[in-house]
Amino acid sequence: MELQVYQALIAAGAPEEAAKNAAESINRAIDSRYAIHAKELATRGDIEQIRADLEKTKGELRTEIARIEANLIKWLVGTGLVIIGVILKTMH
């Protein structure tokens, strides 16, 4: 693109050095914008990676919740049995 801009400016009558400087300036501005976009914008690949990470995390969270739920049920049943045992013992 830089060469095309340079050639267009020369064809329009711009001095060679001015045409070269203008073409290089436009090229630097475009490069600068692409650099900003590369830092600030997510690509489809970035989004797909985030989705994959979330799916993995979601599965890990479900596993952890199930483990905690099983422990909670175990403790609740155990505590309930102890309470029933205490009540039955005090009744006799």
PDB file of N, CA and C in Angstrom:
ATOM      1  N   MET A   1       0.828  -1.189   0.000  1.00  0.00           N
ATOM      2  CA  MET A   1       0.000   0.000   0.000  1.00  0.00           C
ATOM      3  C   MET A   1       0.876   1.259   0.000  1.00  0.00           C
ATOM      4  N   GLU A   2       1.985   1.184   0.721  1.00  0.00           N
ATOM      5  CA  GLU A   2       2.866   2.349   0.808  1.00  0.00           C
ATOM      6  C   GLU A   2       3.352   2.775  -0.579  1.00  0.00           C
ATOM      7  N   LEU A   3       3.704   1.803  -1.392  1.00  0.00           N
ATOM      8  CA  LEU A   3       4.171   2.101  -2.744  1.00  0.00           C
ATOM      9  C   LEU A   3       3.065   2.734  -3.585  1.00  0.00           C
ATOM     10  N   GLN A   4       1.859   2.254  -3.432  1.00  0.00           N
ATOM     11  CA  GLN A   4       0.731   2.796  -4.194  1.00  0.00           C
ATOM     12  C   GLN A   4       0.450   4.245  -3.808  1.00  0.00           C
ATOM     13  N   VAL A   5       0.510   4.528  -2.508  1.00  0.00           N
ATOM     14  CA  VAL A   5       0.296   5.904  -2.047  1.00  0.00           C
ATOM     15  C   VAL A   5       1.404   6.803  -2.595  1.00  0.00           C
ATOM     16  N   TYR A   6       2.627   6.326  -2.487  1.00  0.00           N
ATOM     17  CA  TYR A   6       3.776   7.079  -2.992  1.00  0.00           C
ATOM     18  C   TYR A   6       3.595   7.385  -4.482  1.00  0.00           C
ATOM     19  N   GLN A   7       3.256   6.361  -5.257  1.00  0.00           N
ATOM     20  CA  GLN A   7       3.089   6.549  -6.694  1.00  0.00           C
ATOM     21  C   GLN A   7       1.939   7.506  -7.014  1.00  0.00           C
ATOM     22  N   ALA A   8       0.862   7.417  -6.239  1.00  0.00           N
ATOM     23  CA  ALA A   8      -0.275   8.316  -6.468  1.00  0.00           C
ATOM     24  C   ALA A   8       0.112   9.762  -6.167  1.00  0.00           C
ATOM     25  N   LEU A   9       0.876   9.970  -5.119  1.00  0.00           N
ATOM     26  CA  LEU A   9       1.307  11.330  -4.780  1.00  0.00           C
ATOM     27  C   LEU A   9       2.267  11.881  -5.839  1.00  0.00           C
ATOM     28  N   ILE A  10       3.159  11.047  -6.308  1.00  0.00           N
ATOM     29  CA  ILE A  10       4.087  11.470  -7.371  1.00  0.00           C
ATOM     30  C   ILE A  10       3.287  11.829  -8.629  1.00  0.00           C
ATOM     31  N   ALA A  11       2.315  10.966  -8.963  1.00  0.00           N
ATOM     32  CA  ALA A  11       1.488  11.219 -10.151  1.00  0.00           C
ATOM     33  C   ALA A  11       0.677  12.505 -10.005  1.00  0.00           C
ATOM     34  N   ALA A  12       0.340  12.855  -8.771  1.00  0.00           N
ATOM     35  CA  ALA A  12      -0.425  14.079  -8.531  1.00  0.00           C
ATOM     36  C   ALA A  12       0.476  15.305  -8.513  1.00  0.00           C
ATOM     37  N   GLY A  13       1.796  15.102  -8.609  1.00  0.00           N
ATOM     38  CA  GLY A  13       2.715  16.234  -8.689  1.00  0.00           C
ATOM     39  C   GLY A  13       3.420  16.569  -7.393  1.00  0.00           C
ATOM     40  N   ALA A  14       3.320  15.721  -6.370  1.00  0.00           N
ATOM     41  CA  ALA A  14       4.005  15.990  -5.102  1.00  0.00           C
ATOM     42  C   ALA A  14       5.500  15.747  -5.284  1.00  0.00           C
ATOM     43  N   PRO A  15       6.319  16.518  -4.582  1.00  0.00           N
ATOM     44  CA  PRO A  15       7.764  16.274  -4.630  1.00  0.00           C
ATOM     45  C   PRO A  15       8.072  14.871  -4.089  1.00  0.00           C
ATOM     46  N   GLU A  16       9.129  14.269  -4.616  1.00  0.00           N
ATOM     47  CA  GLU A  16       9.468  12.890  -4.267  1.00  0.00           C
ATOM     48  C   GLU A  16       9.643  12.688  -2.759  1.00  0.00           C
ATOM     49  N   GLU A  17      10.369  13.551  -2.112  1.00  0.00           N
ATOM     50  CA  GLU A  17      10.618  13.410  -0.666  1.00  0.00           C
ATOM     51  C   GLU A  17       9.319  13.556   0.127  1.00  0.00           C
ATOM     52  N   ALA A  18       8.468  14.492  -0.254  1.00  0.00           N
ATOM     53  CA  ALA A  18       7.183  14.684   0.434  1.00  0.00           C
ATOM     54  C   ALA A  18       6.289  13.466   0.230  1.00  0.00           C
ATOM     55  N   ALA A  19       6.268  12.918  -0.979  1.00  0.00           N
ATOM     56  CA  ALA A  19       5.458  11.726  -1.266  1.00  0.00           C
ATOM     57  C   ALA A  19       5.944  10.545  -0.434  1.00  0.00           C
ATOM     58  N   LYS A  20       7.272  10.391  -0.365  1.00  0.00           N
ATOM     59  CA  LYS A  20       7.848   9.303   0.422  1.00  0.00           C
ATOM     60  C   LYS A  20       7.500   9.455   1.900  1.00  0.00           C
ATOM     61  N   ASN A  21       7.658  10.666   2.447  1.00  0.00           N
ATOM     62  CA  ASN A  21       7.353  10.920   3.860  1.00  0.00           C
ATOM     63  C   ASN A  21       5.869  10.688   4.158  1.00  0.00           C
ATOM     64  N   ALA A  22       4.998  11.137   3.258  1.00  0.00           N
ATOM     65  CA  ALA A  22       3.555  10.971   3.466  1.00  0.00           C
ATOM     66  C   ALA A  22       3.186   9.487   3.446  1.00  0.00           C
ATOM     67  N   ALA A  23       3.733   8.736   2.500  1.00  0.00           N
ATOM     68  CA  ALA A  23       3.431   7.308   2.406  1.00  0.00           C
ATOM     69  C   ALA A  23       3.926   6.569   3.651  1.00  0.00           C
ATOM     70  N   GLU A  24       5.113   6.902   4.092  1.00  0.00           N
ATOM     71  CA  GLU A  24       5.651   6.268   5.312  1.00  0.00           C
ATOM     72  C   GLU A  24       4.826   6.639   6.536  1.00  0.00           C
ATOM     73  N   SER A  25       4.381   7.880   6.609  1.00  0.00           N
ATOM     74  CA  SER A  25       3.559   8.338   7.730  1.00  0.00           C
ATOM     75  C   SER A  25       2.234   7.578   7.775  1.00  0.00           C
ATOM     76  N   ILE A  26       1.615   7.407   6.620  1.00  0.00           N
ATOM     77  CA  ILE A  26       0.358   6.651   6.556  1.00  0.00           C
ATOM     78  C   ILE A  26       0.598   5.210   6.983  1.00  0.00           C
ATOM     79  N   ASN A  27       1.689   4.632   6.526  1.00  0.00           N
ATOM     80  CA  ASN A  27       2.024   3.255   6.884  1.00  0.00           C
ATOM     81  C   ASN A  27       2.236   3.109   8.395  1.00  0.00           C
ATOM     82  N   ARG A  28       2.937   4.070   9.009  1.00  0.00           N
ATOM     83  CA  ARG A  28       3.154   4.031  10.469  1.00  0.00           C
ATOM     84  C   ARG A  28       1.828   4.159  11.220  1.00  0.00           C
ATOM     85  N   ALA A  29       0.945   5.031  10.740  1.00  0.00           N
ATOM     86  CA  ALA A  29      -0.358   5.207  11.390  1.00  0.00           C
ATOM     87  C   ALA A  29      -1.178   3.920  11.325  1.00  0.00           C
ATOM     88  N   ILE A  30      -1.148   3.268  10.173  1.00  0.00           N
ATOM     89  CA  ILE A  30      -1.875   1.997  10.032  1.00  0.00           C
ATOM     90  C   ILE A  30      -1.278   0.944  10.955  1.00  0.00           C
ATOM     91  N   ASP A  31       0.059   0.848  10.989  1.00  0.00           N
ATOM     92  CA  ASP A  31       0.707  -0.111  11.882  1.00  0.00           C
ATOM     93  C   ASP A  31       0.349   0.156  13.338  1.00  0.00           C
ATOM     94  N   SER A  32       0.303   1.428  13.704  1.00  0.00           N
ATOM     95  CA  SER A  32      -0.035   1.800  15.067  1.00  0.00           C
ATOM     96  C   SER A  32      -1.458   1.362  15.419  1.00  0.00           C
ATOM     97  N   ARG A  33      -2.379   1.571  14.495  1.00  0.00           N
ATOM     98  CA  ARG A  33      -3.768   1.152  14.750  1.00  0.00           C
ATOM     99  C   ARG A  33      -3.877  -0.351  14.873  1.00  0.00           C
ATOM    100  N   TYR A  34      -3.180  -1.083  14.009  1.00  0.00           N
ATOM    101  CA  TYR A  34      -3.211  -2.541  14.099  1.00  0.00           C
ATOM    102  C   TYR A  34      -2.631  -3.011  15.426  1.00  0.00           C
ATOM    103  N   ALA A  35      -1.589  -2.348  15.901  1.00  0.00           N
ATOM    104  CA  ALA A  35      -0.984  -2.719  17.184  1.00  0.00           C
ATOM    105  C   ALA A  35      -1.969  -2.500  18.324  1.00  0.00           C
ATOM    106  N   ILE A  36      -2.687  -1.380  18.277  1.00  0.00           N
ATOM    107  CA  ILE A  36      -3.692  -1.097  19.311  1.00  0.00           C
ATOM    108  C   ILE A  36      -4.796  -2.142  19.258  1.00  0.00           C
ATOM    109  N   HIS A  37      -5.264  -2.456  18.063  1.00  0.00           N
ATOM    110  CA  HIS A  37      -6.328  -3.445  17.914  1.00  0.00           C
ATOM    111  C   HIS A  37      -5.881  -4.816  18.399  1.00  0.00           C
ATOM    112  N   ALA A  38      -4.644  -5.171  18.109  1.00  0.00           N
ATOM    113  CA  ALA A  38      -4.137  -6.473  18.533  1.00  0.00           C
ATOM    114  C   ALA A  38      -4.114  -6.593  20.051  1.00  0.00           C
ATOM    115  N   LYS A  39      -3.869  -5.484  20.747  1.00  0.00           N
ATOM    116  CA  LYS A  39      -3.838  -5.500  22.214  1.00  0.00           C
ATOM    117  C   LYS A  39      -5.235  -5.455  22.808  1.00  0.00           C
ATOM    118  N   GLU A  40      -6.145  -4.717  22.189  1.00  0.00           N
ATOM    119  CA  GLU A  40      -7.428  -4.407  22.792  1.00  0.00           C
ATOM    120  C   GLU A  40      -8.593  -5.293  22.337  1.00  0.00           C
ATOM    121  N   LEU A  41      -8.507  -5.860  21.164  1.00  0.00           N
ATOM    122  CA  LEU A  41      -9.637  -6.615  20.630  1.00  0.00           C
ATOM    123  C   LEU A  41      -9.381  -8.111  20.708  1.00  0.00           C
ATOM    124  N   ALA A  42     -10.443  -8.841  20.995  1.00  0.00           N
ATOM    125  CA  ALA A  42     -10.339 -10.300  21.034  1.00  0.00           C
ATOM    126  C   ALA A  42     -10.618 -10.866  19.656  1.00  0.00           C
ATOM    127  N   THR A  43      -9.870 -11.875  19.303  1.00  0.00           N
ATOM    128  CA  THR A  43     -10.110 -12.565  18.041  1.00  0.00           C
ATOM    129  C   THR A  43     -11.098 -13.703  18.286  1.00  0.00           C
ATOM    130  N   ARG A  44     -11.575 -14.295  17.232  1.00  0.00           N
ATOM    131  CA  ARG A  44     -12.453 -15.459  17.385  1.00  0.00           C
ATOM    132  C   ARG A  44     -11.726 -16.571  18.116  1.00  0.00           C
ATOM    133  N   GLY A  45     -10.444 -16.707  17.829  1.00  0.00           N
ATOM    134  CA  GLY A  45      -9.649 -17.713  18.535  1.00  0.00           C
ATOM    135  C   GLY A  45      -9.581 -17.442  20.031  1.00  0.00           C
ATOM    136  N   ASP A  46      -9.428 -16.163  20.402  1.00  0.00           N
ATOM    137  CA  ASP A  46      -9.413 -15.794  21.826  1.00  0.00           C
ATOM    138  C   ASP A  46     -10.729 -16.174  22.493  1.00  0.00           C
ATOM    139  N   ILE A  47     -11.820 -15.875  21.813  1.00  0.00           N
ATOM    140  CA  ILE A  47     -13.144 -16.147  22.374  1.00  0.00           C
ATOM    141  C   ILE A  47     -13.376 -17.648  22.492  1.00  0.00           C
ATOM    142  N   GLU A  48     -12.961 -18.400  21.484  1.00  0.00           N
ATOM    143  CA  GLU A  48     -13.106 -19.859  21.547  1.00  0.00           C
ATOM    144  C   GLU A  48     -12.279 -20.437  22.695  1.00  0.00           C
ATOM    145  N   GLN A  49     -11.091 -19.884  22.935  1.00  0.00           N
ATOM    146  CA  GLN A  49     -10.261 -20.356  24.051  1.00  0.00           C
ATOM    147  C   GLN A  49     -10.937 -20.057  25.383  1.00  0.00           C
ATOM    148  N   ILE A  50     -11.529 -18.891  25.497  1.00  0.00           N
ATOM    149  CA  ILE A  50     -12.241 -18.530  26.730  1.00  0.00           C
ATOM    150  C   ILE A  50     -13.427 -19.469  26.935  1.00  0.00           C
ATOM    151  N   ARG A  51     -14.153 -19.745  25.865  1.00  0.00           N
ATOM    152  CA  ARG A  51     -15.291 -20.678  25.974  1.00  0.00           C
ATOM    153  C   ARG A  51     -14.823 -22.060  26.429  1.00  0.00           C
ATOM    154  N   ALA A  52     -13.736 -22.531  25.854  1.00  0.00           N
ATOM    155  CA  ALA A  52     -13.201 -23.847  26.238  1.00  0.00           C
ATOM    156  C   ALA A  52     -12.781 -23.844  27.704  1.00  0.00           C
ATOM    157  N   ASP A  53     -12.125 -22.763  28.130  1.00  0.00           N
ATOM    158  CA  ASP A  53     -11.701 -22.658  29.534  1.00  0.00           C
ATOM    159  C   ASP A  53     -12.912 -22.630  30.470  1.00  0.00           C
ATOM    160  N   LEU A  54     -13.973 -21.909  30.065  1.00  0.00           N
ATOM    161  CA  LEU A  54     -15.181 -21.838  30.883  1.00  0.00           C
ATOM    162  C   LEU A  54     -15.863 -23.200  30.979  1.00  0.00           C
ATOM    163  N   GLU A  55     -15.903 -23.934  29.876  1.00  0.00           N
ATOM    164  CA  GLU A  55     -16.501 -25.270  29.901  1.00  0.00           C
ATOM    165  C   GLU A  55     -15.724 -26.176  30.850  1.00  0.00           C
ATOM    166  N   LYS A  56     -14.406 -26.102  30.789  1.00  0.00           N
ATOM    167  CA  LYS A  56     -13.570 -26.914  31.683  1.00  0.00           C
ATOM    168  C   LYS A  56     -13.826 -26.516  33.132  1.00  0.00           C
ATOM    169  N   THR A  57     -13.852 -25.219  33.382  1.00  0.00           N
ATOM    170  CA  THR A  57     -14.081 -24.722  34.739  1.00  0.00           C
ATOM    171  C   THR A  57     -15.473 -25.108  35.228  1.00  0.00           C
ATOM    172  N   LYS A  58     -16.460 -25.023  34.327  1.00  0.00           N
ATOM    173  CA  LYS A  58     -17.822 -25.383  34.702  1.00  0.00           C
ATOM    174  C   LYS A  58     -17.874 -26.848  35.124  1.00  0.00           C
ATOM    175  N   GLY A  59     -17.191 -27.717  34.380  1.00  0.00           N
ATOM    176  CA  GLY A  59     -17.152 -29.133  34.743  1.00  0.00           C
ATOM    177  C   GLY A  59     -16.469 -29.360  36.084  1.00  0.00           C
ATOM    178  N   GLU A  60     -15.372 -28.642  36.310  1.00  0.00           N
ATOM    179  CA  GLU A  60     -14.662 -28.757  37.585  1.00  0.00           C
ATOM    180  C   GLU A  60     -15.530 -28.264  38.733  1.00  0.00           C
ATOM    181  N   LEU A  61     -16.266 -27.178  38.516  1.00  0.00           N
ATOM    182  CA  LEU A  61     -17.145 -26.655  39.558  1.00  0.00           C
ATOM    183  C   LEU A  61     -18.276 -27.626  39.871  1.00  0.00           C
ATOM    184  N   ARG A  62     -18.831 -28.229  38.835  1.00  0.00           N
ATOM    185  CA  ARG A  62     -19.901 -29.210  39.073  1.00  0.00           C
ATOM    186  C   ARG A  62     -19.377 -30.382  39.895  1.00  0.00           C
ATOM    187  N   THR A  63     -18.184 -30.835  39.587  1.00  0.00           N
ATOM    188  CA  THR A  63     -17.582 -31.944  40.334  1.00  0.00           C
ATOM    189  C   THR A  63     -17.375 -31.543  41.796  1.00  0.00           C
ATOM    190  N   GLU A  64     -16.872 -30.342  42.007  1.00  0.00           N
ATOM    191  CA  GLU A  64     -16.629 -29.867  43.378  1.00  0.00           C
ATOM    192  C   GLU A  64     -17.935 -29.687  44.147  1.00  0.00           C
ATOM    193  N   ILE A  65     -18.951 -29.155  43.490  1.00  0.00           N
ATOM    194  CA  ILE A  65     -20.254 -28.977  44.138  1.00  0.00           C
ATOM    195  C   ILE A  65     -20.833 -30.338  44.516  1.00  0.00           C
ATOM    196  N   ALA A  66     -20.718 -31.322  43.634  1.00  0.00           N
ATOM    197  CA  ALA A  66     -21.219 -32.667  43.933  1.00  0.00           C
ATOM    198  C   ALA A  66     -20.483 -33.269  45.120  1.00  0.00           C
ATOM    199  N   ARG A  67     -19.167 -33.045  45.184  1.00  0.00           N
ATOM    200  CA  ARG A  67     -18.385 -33.562  46.311  1.00  0.00           C
ATOM    201  C   ARG A  67     -18.821 -32.915  47.625  1.00  0.00           C
ATOM    202  N   ILE A  68     -19.007 -31.609  47.597  1.00  0.00           N
ATOM    203  CA  ILE A  68     -19.435 -30.884  48.800  1.00  0.00           C
ATOM    204  C   ILE A  68     -20.839 -31.313  49.204  1.00  0.00           C
ATOM    205  N   GLU A  69     -21.711 -31.482  48.212  1.00  0.00           N
ATOM    206  CA  GLU A  69     -23.076 -31.908  48.487  1.00  0.00           C
ATOM    207  C   GLU A  69     -23.083 -33.294  49.140  1.00  0.00           C
ATOM    208  N   ALA A  70     -22.264 -34.218  48.643  1.00  0.00           N
ATOM    209  CA  ALA A  70     -22.188 -35.559  49.224  1.00  0.00           C
ATOM    210  C   ALA A  70     -21.693 -35.490  50.664  1.00  0.00           C
ATOM    211  N   ASN A  71     -20.684 -34.674  50.912  1.00  0.00           N
ATOM    212  CA  ASN A  71     -20.181 -34.503  52.288  1.00  0.00           C
ATOM    213  C   ASN A  71     -21.252 -33.919  53.195  1.00  0.00           C
ATOM    214  N   LEU A  72     -21.970 -32.942  52.698  1.00  0.00           N
ATOM    215  CA  LEU A  72     -23.018 -32.300  53.501  1.00  0.00           C
ATOM    216  C   LEU A  72     -24.110 -33.310  53.842  1.00  0.00           C
ATOM    217  N   ILE A  73     -24.527 -34.091  52.856  1.00  0.00           N
ATOM    218  CA  ILE A  73     -25.555 -35.110  53.107  1.00  0.00           C
ATOM    219  C   ILE A  73     -25.052 -36.117  54.132  1.00  0.00           C
ATOM    220  N   LYS A  74     -23.792 -36.537  53.989  1.00  0.00           N
ATOM    221  CA  LYS A  74     -23.213 -37.499  54.930  1.00  0.00           C
ATOM    222  C   LYS A  74     -23.254 -36.945  56.359  1.00  0.00           C
ATOM    223  N   TRP A  75     -22.852 -35.695  56.523  1.00  0.00           N
ATOM    224  CA  TRP A  75     -22.835 -35.094  57.842  1.00  0.00           C
ATOM    225  C   TRP A  75     -24.253 -34.868  58.391  1.00  0.00           C
ATOM    226  N   LEU A  76     -25.168 -34.475  57.538  1.00  0.00           N
ATOM    227  CA  LEU A  76     -26.549 -34.275  57.991  1.00  0.00           C
ATOM    228  C   LEU A  76     -27.181 -35.589  58.428  1.00  0.00           C
ATOM    229  N   VAL A  77     -26.976 -36.637  57.652  1.00  0.00           N
ATOM    230  CA  VAL A  77     -27.522 -37.950  58.025  1.00  0.00           C
ATOM    231  C   VAL A  77     -26.866 -38.426  59.319  1.00  0.00           C
ATOM    232  N   GLY A  78     -25.565 -38.283  59.398  1.00  0.00           N
ATOM    233  CA  GLY A  78     -24.862 -38.690  60.616  1.00  0.00           C
ATOM    234  C   GLY A  78     -25.340 -37.927  61.838  1.00  0.00           C
ATOM    235  N   THR A  79     -25.480 -36.617  61.688  1.00  0.00           N
ATOM    236  CA  THR A  79     -25.953 -35.797  62.806  1.00  0.00           C
ATOM    237  C   THR A  79     -27.380 -36.184  63.177  1.00  0.00           C
ATOM    238  N   GLY A  80     -28.211 -36.427  62.178  1.00  0.00           N
ATOM    239  CA  GLY A  80     -29.593 -36.848  62.449  1.00  0.00           C
ATOM    240  C   GLY A  80     -29.642 -38.163  63.194  1.00  0.00           C
ATOM    241  N   LEU A  81     -28.795 -39.117  62.816  1.00  0.00           N
ATOM    242  CA  LEU A  81     -28.756 -40.411  63.507  1.00  0.00           C
ATOM    243  C   LEU A  81     -28.285 -40.249  64.950  1.00  0.00           C
ATOM    244  N   VAL A  82     -27.309 -39.397  65.170  1.00  0.00           N
ATOM    245  CA  VAL A  82     -26.838 -39.149  66.542  1.00  0.00           C
ATOM    246  C   VAL A  82     -27.958 -38.534  67.368  1.00  0.00           C
ATOM    247  N   ILE A  83     -28.676 -37.571  66.806  1.00  0.00           N
ATOM    248  CA  ILE A  83     -29.782 -36.936  67.538  1.00  0.00           C
ATOM    249  C   ILE A  83     -30.869 -37.965  67.866  1.00  0.00           C
ATOM    250  N   ILE A  84     -31.207 -38.801  66.886  1.00  0.00           N
ATOM    251  CA  ILE A  84     -32.215 -39.837  67.132  1.00  0.00           C
ATOM    252  C   ILE A  84     -31.718 -40.796  68.223  1.00  0.00           C
ATOM    253  N   GLY A  85     -30.427 -41.166  68.173  1.00  0.00           N
ATOM    254  CA  GLY A  85     -29.868 -42.041  69.200  1.00  0.00           C
ATOM    255  C   GLY A  85     -29.938 -41.413  70.578  1.00  0.00           C
ATOM    256  N   VAL A  86     -29.638 -40.136  70.687  1.00  0.00           N
ATOM    257  CA  VAL A  86     -29.689 -39.439  71.974  1.00  0.00           C
ATOM    258  C   VAL A  86     -31.131 -39.397  72.479  1.00  0.00           C
ATOM    259  N   ILE A  87     -32.060 -39.107  71.614  1.00  0.00           N
ATOM    260  CA  ILE A  87     -33.474 -39.033  71.999  1.00  0.00           C
ATOM    261  C   ILE A  87     -33.944 -40.392  72.474  1.00  0.00           C
ATOM    262  N   LEU A  88     -33.623 -41.448  71.727  1.00  0.00           N
ATOM    263  CA  LEU A  88     -34.031 -42.797  72.115  1.00  0.00           C
ATOM    264  C   LEU A  88     -33.412 -43.220  73.448  1.00  0.00           C
ATOM    265  N   LYS A  89     -32.172 -42.846  73.678  1.00  0.00           N
ATOM    266  CA  LYS A  89     -31.479 -43.210  74.918  1.00  0.00           C
ATOM    267  C   LYS A  89     -32.103 -42.495  76.110  1.00  0.00           C
ATOM    268  N   THR A  90     -32.500 -41.234  75.917  1.00  0.00           N
ATOM    269  CA  THR A  90     -33.080 -40.484  77.040  1.00  0.00           C
ATOM    270  C   THR A  90     -34.509 -40.951  77.323  1.00  0.00           C
ATOM    271  N   MET A  91     -35.144 -41.597  76.361  1.00  0.00           N
ATOM    272  CA  MET A  91     -36.512 -42.069  76.565  1.00  0.00           C
ATOM    273  C   MET A  91     -36.535 -43.332  77.406  1.00  0.00           C
ATOM    274  N   HIS A  92     -35.477 -44.106  77.451  1.00  0.00           N
ATOM    275  CA  HIS A  92     -35.451 -45.371  78.219  1.00  0.00           C
ATOM    276  C   HIS A  92     -34.941 -45.146  79.563  1.00  0.00           C
TER     277      HIS A  92
END
